[in-house]
Amino acid sequence: MALTKEQVAKAKDWFRSKEVMATCPACRGKETDLGEVLVMLFPKGAGEAPGVGVPMLAVRCNQCGYFRLFDAAMMGLA
């Protein structure tokens, strides 16, 4: 699902409150885009029950394309 303006603001506030590094861990780029909230399915043995979906917020580096995933439910977005 695409993020609303309110969700983008909430995500940015959450990142600030948790002091999440703004720089990309791969290339140290400083410009990122917030993606959509995706549901990730975990296979058997991955620490979650089979078929359990976890909503994740994707953050993409504009310089190298590296993606970071954050638990959208923990952030209050899902």
C-alpha atoms as a PDB file:
ATOM      1  CA  MET A   1       0.000   0.000   0.000  1.00  0.00           C
ATOM      2  CA  ALA A   2       1.230   3.475  -0.818  1.00  0.00           C
ATOM      3  CA  LEU A   3       1.960   5.737   2.133  1.00  0.00           C
ATOM      4  CA  THR A   4      -0.255   8.707   2.927  1.00  0.00           C
ATOM      5  CA  LYS A   5       1.290  12.072   3.880  1.00  0.00           C
ATOM      6  CA  GLU A   6       0.416  11.315   7.497  1.00  0.00           C
ATOM      7  CA  GLN A   7       2.169   7.937   7.355  1.00  0.00           C
ATOM      8  CA  VAL A   8       5.288   9.489   5.803  1.00  0.00           C
ATOM      9  CA  ALA A   9       5.385  12.043   8.638  1.00  0.00           C
ATOM     10  CA  LYS A  10       4.854   9.278  11.210  1.00  0.00           C
ATOM     11  CA  ALA A  11       7.642   7.179   9.673  1.00  0.00           C
ATOM     12  CA  LYS A  12      10.065  10.117   9.668  1.00  0.00           C
ATOM     13  CA  ASP A  13       9.185  10.887  13.301  1.00  0.00           C
ATOM     14  CA  TRP A  14       9.755   7.219  14.198  1.00  0.00           C
ATOM     15  CA  PHE A  15      13.159   7.200  12.467  1.00  0.00           C
ATOM     16  CA  ARG A  16      14.161  10.352  14.376  1.00  0.00           C
ATOM     17  CA  SER A  17      12.931   8.993  17.721  1.00  0.00           C
ATOM     18  CA  LYS A  18      14.902   5.749  17.241  1.00  0.00           C
ATOM     19  CA  GLU A  19      17.940   7.614  15.864  1.00  0.00           C
ATOM     20  CA  VAL A  20      17.977   5.445  12.724  1.00  0.00           C
ATOM     21  CA  MET A  21      21.004   6.328  10.609  1.00  0.00           C
ATOM     22  CA  ALA A  22      20.015   8.377   7.596  1.00  0.00           C
ATOM     23  CA  THR A  23      23.049   7.254   5.602  1.00  0.00           C
ATOM     24  CA  CYS A  24      22.981   4.113   3.482  1.00  0.00           C
ATOM     25  CA  PRO A  25      24.921   1.237   5.091  1.00  0.00           C
ATOM     26  CA  ALA A  26      26.122   0.104   1.652  1.00  0.00           C
ATOM     27  CA  CYS A  27      27.411   3.298  -0.005  1.00  0.00           C
ATOM     28  CA  ARG A  28      26.941   5.998   2.664  1.00  0.00           C
ATOM     29  CA  GLY A  29      24.540   7.867   0.398  1.00  0.00           C
ATOM     30  CA  LYS A  30      22.301  10.346   2.178  1.00  0.00           C
ATOM     31  CA  GLU A  31      19.212  10.444  -0.065  1.00  0.00           C
ATOM     32  CA  THR A  32      16.531   7.814   0.377  1.00  0.00           C
ATOM     33  CA  ASP A  33      12.948   7.212  -0.676  1.00  0.00           C
ATOM     34  CA  LEU A  34      10.278   5.674   1.510  1.00  0.00           C
ATOM     35  CA  GLY A  35       8.608   2.912  -0.438  1.00  0.00           C
ATOM     36  CA  GLU A  36       5.332   1.164   0.121  1.00  0.00           C
ATOM     37  CA  VAL A  37       4.337  -1.040   3.003  1.00  0.00           C
ATOM     38  CA  LEU A  38       4.876  -4.594   1.770  1.00  0.00           C
ATOM     39  CA  VAL A  39       3.877  -7.865   3.376  1.00  0.00           C
ATOM     40  CA  MET A  40       6.807 -10.230   3.648  1.00  0.00           C
ATOM     41  CA  LEU A  41       6.105 -13.941   4.017  1.00  0.00           C
ATOM     42  CA  PHE A  42       8.542 -15.983   6.037  1.00  0.00           C
ATOM     43  CA  PRO A  43       9.277 -19.593   5.047  1.00  0.00           C
ATOM     44  CA  LYS A  44       9.283 -22.470   7.530  1.00  0.00           C
ATOM     45  CA  GLY A  45      12.147 -22.327   9.986  1.00  0.00           C
ATOM     46  CA  ALA A  46      12.745 -18.610   9.574  1.00  0.00           C
ATOM     47  CA  GLY A  47      11.621 -17.795  13.108  1.00  0.00           C
ATOM     48  CA  GLU A  48       8.005 -17.121  12.188  1.00  0.00           C
ATOM     49  CA  ALA A  49       5.069 -19.476  11.751  1.00  0.00           C
ATOM     50  CA  PRO A  50       4.689 -20.693   8.145  1.00  0.00           C
ATOM     51  CA  GLY A  51       2.627 -18.344   6.019  1.00  0.00           C
ATOM     52  CA  VAL A  52       2.725 -15.499   8.525  1.00  0.00           C
ATOM     53  CA  GLY A  53       2.955 -12.120   6.840  1.00  0.00           C
ATOM     54  CA  VAL A  54       4.826  -9.226   8.401  1.00  0.00           C
ATOM     55  CA  PRO A  55       4.171  -5.717   7.085  1.00  0.00           C
ATOM     56  CA  MET A  56       7.470  -4.045   6.191  1.00  0.00           C
ATOM     57  CA  LEU A  57       8.337  -0.500   5.119  1.00  0.00           C
ATOM     58  CA  ALA A  58      10.933  -0.467   2.346  1.00  0.00           C
ATOM     59  CA  VAL A  59      13.499   2.362   2.311  1.00  0.00           C
ATOM     60  CA  ARG A  60      15.597   2.646  -0.863  1.00  0.00           C
ATOM     61  CA  CYS A  61      18.916   4.459  -1.305  1.00  0.00           C
ATOM     62  CA  ASN A  62      18.734   6.820  -4.287  1.00  0.00           C
ATOM     63  CA  GLN A  63      22.467   6.469  -4.943  1.00  0.00           C
ATOM     64  CA  CYS A  64      23.025   2.677  -5.061  1.00  0.00           C
ATOM     65  CA  GLY A  65      19.538   1.159  -4.850  1.00  0.00           C
ATOM     66  CA  TYR A  66      20.139  -0.688  -1.571  1.00  0.00           C
ATOM     67  CA  PHE A  67      16.891  -1.500   0.280  1.00  0.00           C
ATOM     68  CA  ARG A  68      16.372  -1.557   4.045  1.00  0.00           C
ATOM     69  CA  LEU A  69      13.227  -3.080   5.535  1.00  0.00           C
ATOM     70  CA  PHE A  70      11.548  -1.928   8.752  1.00  0.00           C
ATOM     71  CA  ASP A  71       8.650  -3.515  10.661  1.00  0.00           C
ATOM     72  CA  ALA A  72       5.698  -1.306   9.685  1.00  0.00           C
ATOM     73  CA  ALA A  73       3.546  -2.580  12.562  1.00  0.00           C
ATOM     74  CA  MET A  74       6.224  -1.600  15.089  1.00  0.00           C
ATOM     75  CA  MET A  75       6.299   1.834  13.469  1.00  0.00           C
ATOM     76  CA  GLY A  76       2.509   2.161  13.799  1.00  0.00           C
ATOM     77  CA  LEU A  77       1.965   2.179  10.020  1.00  0.00           C
ATOM     78  CA  ALA A  78       0.099  -1.119   9.656  1.00  0.00           C
END
